[in-house]
Amino acid sequence: MEDYLIVIERSATGYAAFSPDVPGCIATGKTVETTLAEMHSALRFHFEGMLEDGETLPVAKGMEHHISSGEYTFDPGDLLTTVPADELLADLPAVSPAV
């Protein structure tokens, strides 16, 4: 299972994060560390809601896919990191990621 790519951008008040694999899920924070922790929580919360609604979870494509595919264009100042899908999906009820 791949990792979810997290993109962290500088904002006027700190940092903002999103995952190209999970549209609509974002987080903010004053520091990179806080923003990453908030994004981790936001992804878990987002996935829980999707499962409650009977939706299929988005597939984690990994950093290499996003960089090589040209599917997403990164700004030079973006910080890129990943979160293991297994870590995010652990303990979620009836996990059924899309294939």
Protein backbone atom coordinates (compact mmCIF):
# COMPACT_ATOMS: atom_id res chain seq x y z
CA MET A 1 0.00 0.00 0.00
CA GLU A 2 1.37 3.43 -0.97
CA ASP A 3 1.70 6.52 1.21
CA TYR A 4 -0.52 9.59 1.04
CA LEU A 5 1.41 12.58 -0.24
CA ILE A 6 1.14 15.70 1.95
CA VAL A 7 1.96 19.11 0.48
CA ILE A 8 2.75 21.88 2.97
CA GLU A 9 2.71 25.47 1.77
CA ARG A 10 3.65 28.71 3.52
CA SER A 11 0.65 30.95 4.27
CA ALA A 12 0.24 34.48 5.63
CA THR A 13 -0.25 33.12 9.16
CA GLY A 14 1.89 29.97 9.12
CA TYR A 15 1.39 26.88 6.99
CA ALA A 16 -1.37 25.02 5.13
CA ALA A 17 -1.41 21.38 4.07
CA PHE A 18 -3.37 19.20 1.68
CA SER A 19 -3.13 15.83 -0.02
CA PRO A 20 -3.64 15.59 -3.80
CA ASP A 21 -5.12 12.13 -3.18
CA VAL A 22 -7.83 13.45 -0.84
CA PRO A 23 -9.61 16.46 -2.37
CA GLY A 24 -11.25 18.78 0.13
CA CYS A 25 -9.17 17.73 3.13
CA ILE A 26 -6.89 20.49 4.43
CA ALA A 27 -5.20 21.60 7.65
CA THR A 28 -3.37 24.67 8.90
CA GLY A 29 -0.94 25.50 11.67
CA LYS A 30 1.62 28.00 12.88
CA THR A 31 4.55 25.59 12.40
CA VAL A 32 5.32 22.80 9.94
CA GLU A 33 5.15 20.24 12.75
CA THR A 34 1.76 21.46 13.96
CA THR A 35 0.42 21.59 10.42
CA LEU A 36 1.55 18.02 9.71
CA ALA A 37 -0.04 16.77 12.96
CA GLU A 38 -3.26 18.62 12.12
CA MET A 39 -3.25 17.15 8.61
CA HIS A 40 -2.85 13.66 10.01
CA SER A 41 -5.89 14.26 12.26
CA ALA A 42 -7.85 15.84 9.40
CA LEU A 43 -7.22 12.84 7.14
CA ARG A 44 -8.34 10.38 9.82
CA PHE A 45 -11.48 12.45 10.48
CA HIS A 46 -12.16 12.75 6.73
CA PHE A 47 -11.80 8.98 6.24
CA GLU A 48 -14.07 8.23 9.21
CA GLY A 49 -16.76 10.45 7.67
CA MET A 50 -16.37 8.82 4.28
CA LEU A 51 -16.76 5.36 5.80
CA GLU A 52 -19.84 6.45 7.77
CA ASP A 53 -21.34 7.70 4.50
CA GLY A 54 -20.55 4.42 2.74
CA GLU A 55 -17.99 6.03 0.42
CA THR A 56 -14.88 4.34 -0.90
CA LEU A 57 -11.63 5.74 0.47
CA PRO A 58 -9.25 7.39 -1.99
CA VAL A 59 -6.24 5.41 -3.13
CA ALA A 60 -2.86 6.57 -1.85
CA LYS A 61 -0.67 7.03 -4.93
CA GLY A 62 2.62 7.93 -3.24
CA MET A 63 5.07 10.74 -3.82
CA GLU A 64 6.81 9.19 -6.82
CA HIS A 65 3.54 8.94 -8.75
CA HIS A 66 2.66 12.58 -8.17
CA ILE A 67 6.12 13.84 -9.11
CA SER A 68 6.57 11.70 -12.22
CA SER A 69 3.01 11.82 -13.59
CA GLY A 70 2.78 15.58 -13.93
CA GLU A 71 -0.71 15.21 -12.49
CA TYR A 72 0.12 17.87 -9.91
CA THR A 73 2.60 20.72 -10.31
CA PHE A 74 4.49 21.66 -7.17
CA ASP A 75 5.67 25.15 -6.31
CA PRO A 76 9.40 25.40 -5.54
CA GLY A 77 8.65 26.47 -1.95
CA ASP A 78 6.35 23.53 -1.16
CA LEU A 79 7.41 21.00 1.43
CA LEU A 80 6.56 17.42 0.47
CA THR A 81 6.18 14.53 2.87
CA THR A 82 4.11 11.37 3.11
CA VAL A 83 1.98 9.57 5.65
CA PRO A 84 1.80 5.77 5.41
CA ALA A 85 -1.69 4.69 4.37
CA ASP A 86 -1.52 1.78 6.84
CA GLU A 87 -0.95 4.26 9.68
CA LEU A 88 -3.94 6.42 8.70
CA LEU A 89 -6.25 3.47 8.11
CA ALA A 90 -5.33 1.57 11.28
CA ASP A 91 -8.32 0.98 13.56
CA LEU A 92 -10.84 2.48 11.14
CA PRO A 93 -14.00 0.38 10.91
CA ALA A 94 -14.63 -1.54 7.67
CA VAL A 95 -11.71 -0.07 5.78
CA SER A 96 -12.13 -0.63 2.07
CA PRO A 97 -9.75 1.57 0.04
CA ALA A 98 -10.52 1.94 -3.64
CA VAL A 99 -8.61 -0.35 -5.96
